[in-house]
C-alpha atoms as a PDB file:
ATOM      1  CA  MET A   1     205.288  19.292 -55.511  1.00  0.00           C
ATOM      2  CA  SER A   2     203.197  18.984 -52.809  1.00  0.00           C
ATOM      3  CA  TYR A   3     202.902  22.261 -50.019  1.00  0.00           C
ATOM      4  CA  GLU A   4     201.077  20.234 -47.641  1.00  0.00           C
ATOM      5  CA  TYR A   5     202.853  21.014 -44.076  1.00  0.00           C
ATOM      6  CA  ASN A   6     202.695  19.102 -41.187  1.00  0.00           C
ATOM      7  CA  LYS A   7     204.063  19.426 -37.949  1.00  0.00           C
ATOM      8  CA  GLY A   8     207.230  17.679 -38.310  1.00  0.00           C
ATOM      9  CA  LYS A   9     208.206  19.710 -41.245  1.00  0.00           C
ATOM     10  CA  PHE A  10     207.028  23.051 -39.745  1.00  0.00           C
ATOM     11  CA  GLU A  11     210.014  23.477 -37.447  1.00  0.00           C
ATOM     12  CA  HIS A  12     212.645  22.927 -40.207  1.00  0.00           C
ATOM     13  CA  ASP A  13     210.452  25.275 -42.788  1.00  0.00           C
ATOM     14  CA  LEU A  14     210.359  27.757 -40.310  1.00  0.00           C
ATOM     15  CA  PHE A  15     214.213  27.814 -39.485  1.00  0.00           C
ATOM     16  CA  ILE A  16     215.593  27.138 -42.785  1.00  0.00           C
ATOM     17  CA  ASP A  17     212.824  29.390 -44.786  1.00  0.00           C
ATOM     18  CA  CYS A  18     211.361  32.213 -42.138  1.00  0.00           C
ATOM     19  CA  LEU A  19     215.121  33.124 -41.166  1.00  0.00           C
ATOM     20  CA  ILE A  20     216.763  32.682 -44.316  1.00  0.00           C
ATOM     21  CA  ASN A  21     220.135  31.213 -43.699  1.00  0.00           C
ATOM     22  CA  ARG A  22     220.636  33.744 -40.643  1.00  0.00           C
ATOM     23  CA  GLN A  23     223.795  33.290 -38.998  1.00  0.00           C
ATOM     24  CA  VAL A  24     224.354  31.825 -35.068  1.00  0.00           C
ATOM     25  CA  SER A  25     225.798  35.229 -33.534  1.00  0.00           C
ATOM     26  CA  GLU A  26     227.595  34.764 -30.297  1.00  0.00           C
ATOM     27  CA  HIS A  27     224.127  35.031 -28.596  1.00  0.00           C
ATOM     28  CA  ALA A  28     223.586  31.608 -30.208  1.00  0.00           C
ATOM     29  CA  MET A  29     221.797  30.258 -27.468  1.00  0.00           C
ATOM     30  CA  LYS A  30     219.941  32.854 -26.516  1.00  0.00           C
ATOM     31  CA  ILE A  31     218.399  32.870 -30.098  1.00  0.00           C
ATOM     32  CA  GLN A  32     217.734  29.328 -29.859  1.00  0.00           C
ATOM     33  CA  GLU A  33     215.732  29.602 -26.961  1.00  0.00           C
ATOM     34  CA  THR A  34     214.084  32.285 -28.519  1.00  0.00           C
ATOM     35  CA  LEU A  35     213.332  30.487 -31.609  1.00  0.00           C
ATOM     36  CA  ILE A  36     211.944  27.682 -29.333  1.00  0.00           C
ATOM     37  CA  ALA A  37     209.241  29.722 -28.453  1.00  0.00           C
ATOM     38  CA  ILE A  38     208.710  31.555 -31.770  1.00  0.00           C
ATOM     39  CA  ILE A  39     208.175  27.690 -33.093  1.00  0.00           C
ATOM     40  CA  PHE A  40     205.931  26.315 -30.771  1.00  0.00           C
ATOM     41  CA  GLY A  41     204.128  29.700 -30.728  1.00  0.00           C
ATOM     42  CA  SER A  42     203.712  29.576 -34.700  1.00  0.00           C
ATOM     43  CA  MET A  43     202.439  26.183 -34.459  1.00  0.00           C
ATOM     44  CA  ILE A  44     199.583  26.957 -32.277  1.00  0.00           C
ATOM     45  CA  LEU A  45     198.769  29.786 -34.379  1.00  0.00           C
ATOM     46  CA  ALA A  46     198.958  28.606 -37.738  1.00  0.00           C
ATOM     47  CA  ALA A  47     196.620  25.501 -36.262  1.00  0.00           C
ATOM     48  CA  MET A  48     194.389  28.262 -35.127  1.00  0.00           C
ATOM     49  CA  LEU A  49     194.399  29.565 -38.425  1.00  0.00           C
ATOM     50  CA  ALA A  50     193.912  26.709 -40.629  1.00  0.00           C
ATOM     51  CA  GLY A  51     190.652  26.042 -38.747  1.00  0.00           C
ATOM     52  CA  GLN A  52     189.290  29.526 -39.245  1.00  0.00           C
ATOM     53  CA  LYS A  53     187.459  30.999 -42.163  1.00  0.00           C
ATOM     54  CA  SER A  54     187.523  34.701 -42.791  1.00  0.00           C
ATOM     55  CA  ASN A  55     184.066  36.319 -43.249  1.00  0.00           C
ATOM     56  CA  LYS A  56     185.117  39.268 -45.138  1.00  0.00           C
ATOM     57  CA  THR A  57     185.601  39.921 -48.687  1.00  0.00           C
ATOM     58  CA  TYR A  58     188.620  42.002 -50.009  1.00  0.00           C
ATOM     59  CA  PHE A  59     188.411  44.302 -52.854  1.00  0.00           C
ATOM     60  CA  PRO A  60     191.411  46.444 -54.691  1.00  0.00           C
ATOM     61  CA  LEU A  61     191.184  49.241 -55.541  1.00  0.00           C
ATOM     62  CA  GLN A  62     189.519  50.641 -58.822  1.00  0.00           C
ATOM     63  CA  GLU A  63     191.740  50.405 -61.276  1.00  0.00           C
ATOM     64  CA  TRP A  64     193.100  53.340 -62.396  1.00  0.00           C
ATOM     65  CA  ASP A  65     193.244  54.965 -66.012  1.00  0.00           C
ATOM     66  CA  ARG A  66     196.165  54.025 -68.012  1.00  0.00           C
ATOM     67  CA  LYS A  67     197.280  56.477 -70.796  1.00  0.00           C
ATOM     68  CA  ASP A  68     199.078  55.476 -74.035  1.00  0.00           C
ATOM     69  CA  GLY A  69     201.819  57.278 -75.840  1.00  0.00           C
ATOM     70  CA  LEU A  70     205.717  57.385 -75.280  1.00  0.00           C
ATOM     71  CA  VAL A  71     205.976  59.983 -72.925  1.00  0.00           C
ATOM     72  CA  PRO A  72     205.196  58.976 -69.775  1.00  0.00           C
ATOM     73  CA  GLU A  73     202.036  61.252 -67.649  1.00  0.00           C
ATOM     74  CA  PHE A  74     201.999  61.837 -63.971  1.00  0.00           C
ATOM     75  CA  LEU A  75     197.771  61.503 -62.827  1.00  0.00           C
ATOM     76  CA  GLY A  76     198.086  63.029 -59.523  1.00  0.00           C
ATOM     77  CA  ALA A  77     199.930  60.869 -57.363  1.00  0.00           C
ATOM     78  CA  VAL A  78     200.032  58.172 -59.728  1.00  0.00           C
ATOM     79  CA  TRP A  79     202.298  57.726 -62.709  1.00  0.00           C
ATOM     80  CA  VAL A  80     202.101  54.733 -65.193  1.00  0.00           C
ATOM     81  CA  GLU A  81     205.135  53.264 -67.196  1.00  0.00           C
ATOM     82  CA  PRO A  82     203.529  52.810 -70.640  1.00  0.00           C
ATOM     83  CA  LYS A  83     205.612  50.366 -71.904  1.00  0.00           C
ATOM     84  CA  THR A  84     204.745  47.882 -68.958  1.00  0.00           C
ATOM     85  CA  GLY A  85     201.948  49.511 -67.429  1.00  0.00           C
ATOM     86  CA  MET A  86     203.339  49.652 -64.305  1.00  0.00           C
ATOM     87  CA  GLU A  87     201.806  51.660 -61.825  1.00  0.00           C
ATOM     88  CA  PHE A  88     204.138  53.731 -59.542  1.00  0.00           C
ATOM     89  CA  VAL A  89     202.994  56.050 -56.362  1.00  0.00           C
ATOM     90  CA  TRP A  90     204.459  58.675 -55.261  1.00  0.00           C
ATOM     91  CA  VAL A  91     206.100  58.437 -51.822  1.00  0.00           C
ATOM     92  CA  GLN A  92     206.954  62.095 -50.097  1.00  0.00           C
ATOM     93  CA  ASP A  93     210.153  63.242 -48.613  1.00  0.00           C
ATOM     94  CA  GLU A  94     209.942  62.399 -44.907  1.00  0.00           C
ATOM     95  CA  CYS A  95     211.708  61.433 -41.814  1.00  0.00           C
ATOM     96  CA  PHE A  96     210.744  58.093 -39.558  1.00  0.00           C
ATOM     97  CA  LYS A  97     211.770  55.586 -37.044  1.00  0.00           C
ATOM     98  CA  MET A  98     213.205  52.491 -38.692  1.00  0.00           C
ATOM     99  CA  GLY A  99     213.028  49.334 -37.048  1.00  0.00           C
ATOM    100  CA  CYS A 100     210.866  47.380 -34.323  1.00  0.00           C
ATOM    101  CA  ILE A 101     209.322  50.210 -33.038  1.00  0.00           C
ATOM    102  CA  ASN A 102     206.942  50.005 -29.779  1.00  0.00           C
ATOM    103  CA  TRP A 103     203.774  48.615 -31.664  1.00  0.00           C
ATOM    104  CA  THR A 104     205.261  45.857 -33.352  1.00  0.00           C
ATOM    105  CA  TRP A 105     206.073  42.542 -32.112  1.00  0.00           C
ATOM    106  CA  HIS A 106     207.953  39.023 -32.917  1.00  0.00           C
ATOM    107  CA  CYS A 107     210.957  40.936 -33.510  1.00  0.00           C
ATOM    108  CA  ASN A 108     214.252  39.657 -34.399  1.00  0.00           C
ATOM    109  CA  PRO A 109     217.542  41.196 -32.672  1.00  0.00           C
ATOM    110  CA  ASN A 110     218.576  42.547 -36.434  1.00  0.00           C
ATOM    111  CA  GLU A 111     215.507  44.802 -36.091  1.00  0.00           C
ATOM    112  CA  TYR A 112     217.484  47.070 -33.675  1.00  0.00           C
ATOM    113  CA  PRO A 113     218.250  49.584 -32.638  1.00  0.00           C
ATOM    114  CA  VAL A 114     215.276  51.764 -33.782  1.00  0.00           C
ATOM    115  CA  HIS A 115     217.043  54.856 -35.361  1.00  0.00           C
ATOM    116  CA  GLU A 116     215.708  57.780 -37.365  1.00  0.00           C
ATOM    117  CA  VAL A 117     215.878  57.592 -41.057  1.00  0.00           C
ATOM    118  CA  CYS A 118     215.332  60.367 -43.351  1.00  0.00           C
ATOM    119  CA  LEU A 119     214.049  59.965 -47.287  1.00  0.00           C
ATOM    120  CA  ASP A 120     214.403  61.937 -50.090  1.00  0.00           C
ATOM    121  CA  GLY A 121     210.400  61.371 -52.146  1.00  0.00           C
ATOM    122  CA  PHE A 122     210.305  58.445 -54.937  1.00  0.00           C
ATOM    123  CA  TRP A 123     207.984  56.597 -56.705  1.00  0.00           C
ATOM    124  CA  ILE A 124     207.762  52.610 -56.111  1.00  0.00           C
ATOM    125  CA  SER A 125     205.233  50.564 -58.407  1.00  0.00           C
ATOM    126  CA  ARG A 126     202.247  49.718 -56.622  1.00  0.00           C
ATOM    127  CA  TYR A 127     202.637  45.877 -56.794  1.00  0.00           C
ATOM    128  CA  PRO A 128     205.210  43.694 -57.074  1.00  0.00           C
ATOM    129  CA  VAL A 129     206.361  43.057 -60.675  1.00  0.00           C
ATOM    130  CA  THR A 130     203.800  40.718 -62.389  1.00  0.00           C
ATOM    131  CA  GLN A 131     204.145  38.008 -64.710  1.00  0.00           C
ATOM    132  CA  LYS A 132     202.519  39.539 -67.113  1.00  0.00           C
ATOM    133  CA  GLN A 133     205.338  42.946 -66.854  1.00  0.00           C
ATOM    134  CA  TRP A 134     208.533  40.508 -66.995  1.00  0.00           C
ATOM    135  CA  ILE A 135     207.236  38.954 -69.840  1.00  0.00           C
ATOM    136  CA  ARG A 136     206.464  41.920 -72.130  1.00  0.00           C
ATOM    137  CA  ILE A 137     210.562  42.863 -71.416  1.00  0.00           C
ATOM    138  CA  PHE A 138     211.931  38.997 -71.710  1.00  0.00           C
ATOM    139  CA  GLU A 139     209.378  37.551 -73.720  1.00  0.00           C
ATOM    140  CA  GLU A 140     209.555  34.131 -71.407  1.00  0.00           C
ATOM    141  CA  ASN A 141     208.114  33.186 -67.762  1.00  0.00           C
ATOM    142  CA  PRO A 142     210.656  32.219 -65.319  1.00  0.00           C
ATOM    143  CA  SER A 143     207.815  31.578 -62.548  1.00  0.00           C
ATOM    144  CA  PHE A 144     206.447  28.422 -60.650  1.00  0.00           C
ATOM    145  CA  PHE A 145     203.207  29.042 -60.488  1.00  0.00           C
ATOM    146  CA  ARG A 146     201.735  30.491 -63.990  1.00  0.00           C
ATOM    147  CA  ASN A 147     198.242  29.965 -63.467  1.00  0.00           C
ATOM    148  CA  ASN A 148     197.560  33.178 -63.914  1.00  0.00           C
ATOM    149  CA  ASP A 149     199.801  36.152 -65.331  1.00  0.00           C
ATOM    150  CA  ASP A 150     198.591  38.849 -62.883  1.00  0.00           C
ATOM    151  CA  HIS A 151     200.654  36.539 -60.110  1.00  0.00           C
ATOM    152  CA  PRO A 152     203.993  38.249 -59.242  1.00  0.00           C
ATOM    153  CA  VAL A 153     206.928  36.933 -60.719  1.00  0.00           C
ATOM    154  CA  GLU A 154     208.788  34.601 -59.000  1.00  0.00           C
ATOM    155  CA  LYS A 155     212.061  32.561 -59.313  1.00  0.00           C
ATOM    156  CA  VAL A 156     213.930  35.493 -59.923  1.00  0.00           C
ATOM    157  CA  SER A 157     217.321  36.120 -58.558  1.00  0.00           C
ATOM    158  CA  TRP A 158     218.765  39.091 -57.565  1.00  0.00           C
ATOM    159  CA  HIS A 159     220.713  39.563 -60.496  1.00  0.00           C
ATOM    160  CA  ASP A 160     217.441  38.610 -63.011  1.00  0.00           C
ATOM    161  CA  ALA A 161     215.664  41.548 -61.071  1.00  0.00           C
ATOM    162  CA  ARG A 162     219.223  43.835 -61.756  1.00  0.00           C
ATOM    163  CA  ASN A 163     218.946  42.725 -65.202  1.00  0.00           C
ATOM    164  CA  TYR A 164     215.215  43.115 -65.986  1.00  0.00           C
ATOM    165  CA  ILE A 165     215.923  47.087 -64.579  1.00  0.00           C
ATOM    166  CA  THR A 166     219.058  47.403 -66.730  1.00  0.00           C
ATOM    167  CA  GLU A 167     216.662  46.585 -70.015  1.00  0.00           C
ATOM    168  CA  MET A 168     213.709  48.668 -68.526  1.00  0.00           C
ATOM    169  CA  ASN A 169     216.300  51.595 -68.457  1.00  0.00           C
ATOM    170  CA  LEU A 170     217.742  50.887 -71.942  1.00  0.00           C
ATOM    171  CA  ARG A 171     214.201  51.269 -73.605  1.00  0.00           C
ATOM    172  CA  GLU A 172     213.618  54.468 -71.301  1.00  0.00           C
ATOM    173  CA  GLY A 173     217.298  55.864 -72.782  1.00  0.00           C
ATOM    174  CA  LYS A 174     218.836  56.775 -69.038  1.00  0.00           C
ATOM    175  CA  GLU A 175     218.721  55.810 -65.768  1.00  0.00           C
ATOM    176  CA  VAL A 176     215.342  55.852 -64.573  1.00  0.00           C
ATOM    177  CA  PHE A 177     214.576  52.761 -62.800  1.00  0.00           C
ATOM    178  CA  ARG A 178     215.942  50.748 -59.705  1.00  0.00           C
ATOM    179  CA  LEU A 179     215.625  48.410 -56.813  1.00  0.00           C
ATOM    180  CA  PRO A 180     214.377  50.153 -53.540  1.00  0.00           C
ATOM    181  CA  THR A 181     216.915  50.715 -50.763  1.00  0.00           C
ATOM    182  CA  GLU A 182     215.880  49.030 -47.607  1.00  0.00           C
ATOM    183  CA  ALA A 183     215.099  52.084 -46.204  1.00  0.00           C
ATOM    184  CA  GLU A 184     212.960  53.136 -48.743  1.00  0.00           C
ATOM    185  CA  TRP A 185     211.203  49.537 -48.672  1.00  0.00           C
ATOM    186  CA  GLU A 186     210.276  49.531 -44.716  1.00  0.00           C
ATOM    187  CA  TYR A 187     208.799  53.203 -45.213  1.00  0.00           C
ATOM    188  CA  ALA A 188     206.633  52.500 -48.239  1.00  0.00           C
ATOM    189  CA  CYS A 189     205.684  49.238 -46.684  1.00  0.00           C
ATOM    190  CA  ARG A 190     204.093  51.269 -43.859  1.00  0.00           C
ATOM    191  CA  GLY A 191     202.736  53.970 -45.681  1.00  0.00           C
ATOM    192  CA  ASN A 192     203.529  56.802 -42.915  1.00  0.00           C
ATOM    193  CA  LYS A 193     205.419  57.285 -40.010  1.00  0.00           C
ATOM    194  CA  ASP A 194     202.601  56.269 -38.269  1.00  0.00           C
ATOM    195  CA  SER A 195     201.937  52.615 -39.429  1.00  0.00           C
ATOM    196  CA  MET A 196     200.600  48.964 -38.278  1.00  0.00           C
ATOM    197  CA  ASN A 197     202.592  46.012 -37.716  1.00  0.00           C
ATOM    198  CA  TYR A 198     201.970  44.787 -41.291  1.00  0.00           C
ATOM    199  CA  SER A 199     201.239  46.921 -44.299  1.00  0.00           C
ATOM    200  CA  GLY A 200     198.575  48.702 -44.137  1.00  0.00           C
ATOM    201  CA  SER A 201     196.913  46.885 -40.934  1.00  0.00           C
ATOM    202  CA  MET A 202     197.640  45.316 -37.034  1.00  0.00           C
ATOM    203  CA  ASP A 203     195.838  42.292 -38.800  1.00  0.00           C
ATOM    204  CA  PRO A 204     197.572  39.930 -41.869  1.00  0.00           C
ATOM    205  CA  GLU A 205     194.196  38.662 -43.043  1.00  0.00           C
ATOM    206  CA  GLU A 206     193.460  42.195 -44.080  1.00  0.00           C
ATOM    207  CA  VAL A 207     196.675  42.624 -46.222  1.00  0.00           C
ATOM    208  CA  ALA A 208     198.928  39.650 -46.548  1.00  0.00           C
ATOM    209  CA  TRP A 209     198.893  36.355 -48.348  1.00  0.00           C
ATOM    210  CA  HIS A 210     201.143  34.329 -46.034  1.00  0.00           C
ATOM    211  CA  ARG A 211     201.223  30.474 -44.948  1.00  0.00           C
ATOM    212  CA  GLY A 212     197.887  30.481 -43.241  1.00  0.00           C
ATOM    213  CA  ASN A 213     195.613  31.468 -46.243  1.00  0.00           C
ATOM    214  CA  SER A 214     197.541  31.368 -49.335  1.00  0.00           C
ATOM    215  CA  GLY A 215     196.905  27.861 -50.070  1.00  0.00           C
ATOM    216  CA  GLY A 216     200.227  26.921 -51.155  1.00  0.00           C
ATOM    217  CA  SER A 217     200.757  29.679 -54.075  1.00  0.00           C
ATOM    218  CA  THR A 218     201.078  33.176 -54.974  1.00  0.00           C
ATOM    219  CA  ARG A 219     197.901  35.168 -55.565  1.00  0.00           C
ATOM    220  CA  PRO A 220     197.342  37.857 -57.878  1.00  0.00           C
ATOM    221  CA  VAL A 221     198.488  40.973 -56.919  1.00  0.00           C
ATOM    222  CA  GLY A 222     196.094  43.508 -55.589  1.00  0.00           C
ATOM    223  CA  SER A 223     193.586  40.698 -53.884  1.00  0.00           C
ATOM    224  CA  ARG A 224     194.424  41.943 -50.339  1.00  0.00           C
ATOM    225  CA  MET A 225     193.734  45.593 -48.995  1.00  0.00           C
ATOM    226  CA  PRO A 226     196.142  48.484 -49.626  1.00  0.00           C
ATOM    227  CA  ASN A 227     198.172  50.678 -47.223  1.00  0.00           C
ATOM    228  CA  LYS A 228     197.271  54.204 -46.595  1.00  0.00           C
ATOM    229  CA  LEU A 229     199.912  55.088 -50.256  1.00  0.00           C
ATOM    230  CA  GLY A 230     197.674  52.885 -52.048  1.00  0.00           C
ATOM    231  CA  LEU A 231     200.427  49.938 -52.266  1.00  0.00           C
ATOM    232  CA  PHE A 232     199.502  46.295 -52.671  1.00  0.00           C
ATOM    233  CA  ASP A 233     201.299  43.444 -51.809  1.00  0.00           C
ATOM    234  CA  MET A 234     204.264  44.570 -49.615  1.00  0.00           C
ATOM    235  CA  SER A 235     203.377  42.367 -47.021  1.00  0.00           C
ATOM    236  CA  GLY A 236     203.114  38.685 -48.006  1.00  0.00           C
ATOM    237  CA  ASN A 237     202.508  37.080 -51.638  1.00  0.00           C
ATOM    238  CA  VAL A 238     206.538  37.041 -52.342  1.00  0.00           C
ATOM    239  CA  PHE A 239     209.668  38.307 -50.702  1.00  0.00           C
ATOM    240  CA  GLU A 240     210.851  41.162 -52.361  1.00  0.00           C
ATOM    241  CA  TRP A 241     214.205  42.021 -53.089  1.00  0.00           C
ATOM    242  CA  VAL A 242     215.968  45.469 -52.375  1.00  0.00           C
ATOM    243  CA  GLN A 243     219.123  46.755 -53.061  1.00  0.00           C
ATOM    244  CA  ASP A 244     221.252  46.736 -50.054  1.00  0.00           C
ATOM    245  CA  VAL A 245     223.811  43.935 -49.311  1.00  0.00           C
ATOM    246  CA  TYR A 246     222.586  42.355 -45.849  1.00  0.00           C
ATOM    247  CA  ASP A 247     224.479  43.697 -42.693  1.00  0.00           C
ATOM    248  CA  GLU A 248     223.563  42.383 -39.615  1.00  0.00           C
ATOM    249  CA  GLU A 249     225.056  45.968 -37.583  1.00  0.00           C
ATOM    250  CA  ALA A 250     223.475  48.039 -40.456  1.00  0.00           C
ATOM    251  CA  TYR A 251     221.131  49.819 -37.844  1.00  0.00           C
ATOM    252  CA  ASN A 252     224.134  50.781 -36.018  1.00  0.00           C
ATOM    253  CA  ARG A 253     226.014  51.958 -39.051  1.00  0.00           C
ATOM    254  CA  HIS A 254     222.748  53.746 -41.294  1.00  0.00           C
ATOM    255  CA  SER A 255     223.349  57.636 -42.072  1.00  0.00           C
ATOM    256  CA  LEU A 256     220.805  59.512 -41.213  1.00  0.00           C
ATOM    257  CA  ASN A 257     219.849  60.820 -44.862  1.00  0.00           C
ATOM    258  CA  ASN A 258     219.217  58.231 -47.533  1.00  0.00           C
ATOM    259  CA  PRO A 259     220.897  55.269 -45.949  1.00  0.00           C
ATOM    260  CA  LYS A 260     222.041  51.983 -48.327  1.00  0.00           C
ATOM    261  CA  VAL A 261     224.640  49.661 -47.685  1.00  0.00           C
ATOM    262  CA  ASP A 262     226.503  48.690 -50.536  1.00  0.00           C
ATOM    263  CA  THR A 263     229.098  46.017 -49.249  1.00  0.00           C
ATOM    264  CA  GLY A 264     228.194  44.952 -45.565  1.00  0.00           C
ATOM    265  CA  LEU A 265     231.692  45.806 -44.526  1.00  0.00           C
ATOM    266  CA  GLY A 266     230.419  48.847 -43.020  1.00  0.00           C
ATOM    267  CA  PRO A 267     230.452  52.798 -44.702  1.00  0.00           C
ATOM    268  CA  SER A 268     234.051  53.049 -44.613  1.00  0.00           C
ATOM    269  CA  TYR A 269     234.443  50.231 -47.460  1.00  0.00           C
ATOM    270  CA  ASP A 270     231.247  51.211 -49.319  1.00  0.00           C
ATOM    271  CA  ARG A 271     232.925  54.200 -50.965  1.00  0.00           C
ATOM    272  CA  TYR A 272     235.291  51.259 -52.533  1.00  0.00           C
ATOM    273  CA  LEU A 273     232.276  49.650 -54.025  1.00  0.00           C
ATOM    274  CA  PRO A 274     233.439  49.585 -57.724  1.00  0.00           C
ATOM    275  CA  LEU A 275     236.710  47.641 -56.119  1.00  0.00           C
ATOM    276  CA  ILE A 276     234.954  45.422 -53.784  1.00  0.00           C
ATOM    277  CA  GLU A 277     231.673  44.457 -55.564  1.00  0.00           C
ATOM    278  CA  PRO A 278     233.550  41.904 -58.395  1.00  0.00           C
ATOM    279  CA  TYR A 279     234.457  39.887 -55.071  1.00  0.00           C
ATOM    280  CA  ILE A 280     230.818  40.390 -53.153  1.00  0.00           C
ATOM    281  CA  GLY A 281     228.587  40.432 -55.983  1.00  0.00           C
ATOM    282  CA  GLY A 282     227.884  37.141 -57.170  1.00  0.00           C
ATOM    283  CA  ASP A 283     227.399  35.481 -53.740  1.00  0.00           C
ATOM    284  CA  SER A 284     226.637  38.529 -51.583  1.00  0.00           C
ATOM    285  CA  ARG A 285     223.834  38.449 -49.094  1.00  0.00           C
ATOM    286  CA  ARG A 286     220.962  40.660 -50.365  1.00  0.00           C
ATOM    287  CA  VAL A 287     217.960  41.750 -47.861  1.00  0.00           C
ATOM    288  CA  VAL A 288     214.195  40.400 -49.058  1.00  0.00           C
ATOM    289  CA  ARG A 289     211.636  41.938 -47.226  1.00  0.00           C
ATOM    290  CA  GLY A 290     207.958  41.617 -46.957  1.00  0.00           C
ATOM    291  CA  GLY A 291     207.246  37.844 -46.645  1.00  0.00           C
ATOM    292  CA  SER A 292     205.482  35.230 -48.433  1.00  0.00           C
ATOM    293  CA  TRP A 293     202.806  32.868 -49.373  1.00  0.00           C
ATOM    294  CA  ARG A 294     204.807  30.132 -47.918  1.00  0.00           C
ATOM    295  CA  HIS A 295     205.906  31.501 -44.701  1.00  0.00           C
ATOM    296  CA  PRO A 296     204.085  32.560 -41.111  1.00  0.00           C
ATOM    297  CA  SER A 297     202.477  36.015 -41.142  1.00  0.00           C
ATOM    298  CA  THR A 298     205.048  37.105 -38.681  1.00  0.00           C
ATOM    299  CA  ALA A 299     207.470  37.329 -41.759  1.00  0.00           C
ATOM    300  CA  ALA A 300     205.465  39.880 -43.378  1.00  0.00           C
ATOM    301  CA  ARG A 301     205.615  42.537 -41.223  1.00  0.00           C
ATOM    302  CA  CYS A 302     207.192  45.557 -41.945  1.00  0.00           C
ATOM    303  CA  SER A 303     210.077  45.522 -40.023  1.00  0.00           C
ATOM    304  CA  SER A 304     211.236  42.131 -40.426  1.00  0.00           C
ATOM    305  CA  ARG A 305     214.595  41.601 -42.041  1.00  0.00           C
ATOM    306  CA  TYR A 306     216.013  38.493 -43.805  1.00  0.00           C
ATOM    307  CA  PHE A 307     218.129  37.755 -46.561  1.00  0.00           C
ATOM    308  CA  MET A 308     219.439  35.404 -49.590  1.00  0.00           C
ATOM    309  CA  ALA A 309     222.251  34.563 -51.457  1.00  0.00           C
ATOM    310  CA  ALA A 310     221.822  36.956 -54.720  1.00  0.00           C
ATOM    311  CA  GLY A 311     221.863  34.334 -56.915  1.00  0.00           C
ATOM    312  CA  ASN A 312     219.401  32.468 -55.017  1.00  0.00           C
ATOM    313  CA  LYS A 313     216.108  31.719 -57.107  1.00  0.00           C
ATOM    314  CA  GLN A 314     212.569  30.557 -55.256  1.00  0.00           C
ATOM    315  CA  ASN A 315     209.218  30.398 -56.125  1.00  0.00           C
ATOM    316  CA  TYR A 316     208.735  32.815 -53.506  1.00  0.00           C
ATOM    317  CA  LEU A 317     211.095  35.580 -54.300  1.00  0.00           C
ATOM    318  CA  GLY A 318     210.108  38.300 -56.511  1.00  0.00           C
ATOM    319  CA  PHE A 319     210.664  42.321 -56.716  1.00  0.00           C
ATOM    320  CA  ARG A 320     209.248  45.640 -57.197  1.00  0.00           C
ATOM    321  CA  ILE A 321     211.005  49.040 -58.852  1.00  0.00           C
ATOM    322  CA  VAL A 322     211.278  52.477 -57.725  1.00  0.00           C
ATOM    323  CA  ALA A 323     211.318  55.444 -60.235  1.00  0.00           C
ATOM    324  CA  ASP A 324     213.610  58.283 -59.950  1.00  0.00           C
ATOM    325  CA  LEU A 325     211.477  61.038 -61.295  1.00  0.00           C
ATOM    326  CA  PRO A 326     211.022  64.161 -60.398  1.00  0.00           C
ATOM    327  CA  GLY A 327     207.715  64.374 -57.908  1.00  0.00           C
ATOM    328  CA  PRO A 328     204.460  65.277 -59.042  1.00  0.00           C
ATOM    329  CA  GLN A 329     204.250  68.600 -57.438  1.00  0.00           C
ATOM    330  CA  ASN A 330     207.789  69.233 -59.587  1.00  0.00           C
ATOM    331  CA  HIS A 331     206.413  67.784 -63.234  1.00  0.00           C
ATOM    332  CA  GLN A 332     206.118  70.219 -65.769  1.00  0.00           C
ATOM    333  CA  LYS A 333     203.423  68.414 -68.598  1.00  0.00           C
END
């Protein structure tokens, strides 16, 4: 399969892949005009990027020490899950402004209104789940790009990601692991409340693998610069599933503390999730975040919101994991 892109195909890919099946609203004409501007602007940008070669060399952080043993150990603000070797970074509890804040650009209507969100502290995996880590649980590899098992696992649906996490919890003997909420994902991507447009930089070339520099493939995790929390690949490489059902109006409905959209029908319905989920679970539209190797760099912005049907499997869809464990300051060795 070829991943060469010509101008005729670019417009189709941008609408279908970058906007990820976005529904046309009552403001369709306005959105259409915006899309035309984005399409032609992105074509010019892609042409510029294609003609440039960066003279920068990017290195991941020094590999963290791994500790063997059945009991997980906290290493300062980093925890290593011993069965998979997955590294988790502690994200301190904080309030932040979620959405398209004043120093971002190329924003979509679903990134408004900007609103305050307060989160409890949480552990999040340093990298998206890799093919190596997937194989340690399921002993098979669903990915399209298999030339390096340090590449992120892809071609996994939202349900596949949940099944992987369920198996991790079974091996742990309790409910520890889950997908991040959309709000947790955005704050972790920013690295702190005074964030950059992308995860760790205003320049996507420093932190993201995207259409303009990926060479038509995923890349090994950690091969671009991290953000201030030491998290890699939150911009680019693969889109990442989060827990939330997609809701166009989510930002008008979010609660202040630890918001999560369970049904996409509004908070009054979310309390009845166990009754509603059988009817929405299979084909529900789940949020994906972070852009990918196949999409323009604008899709890799920390505030960009897209969705896919929960059962969809593409070679640009992966995920990362949150662990619900005490923070490092509370852990007793």
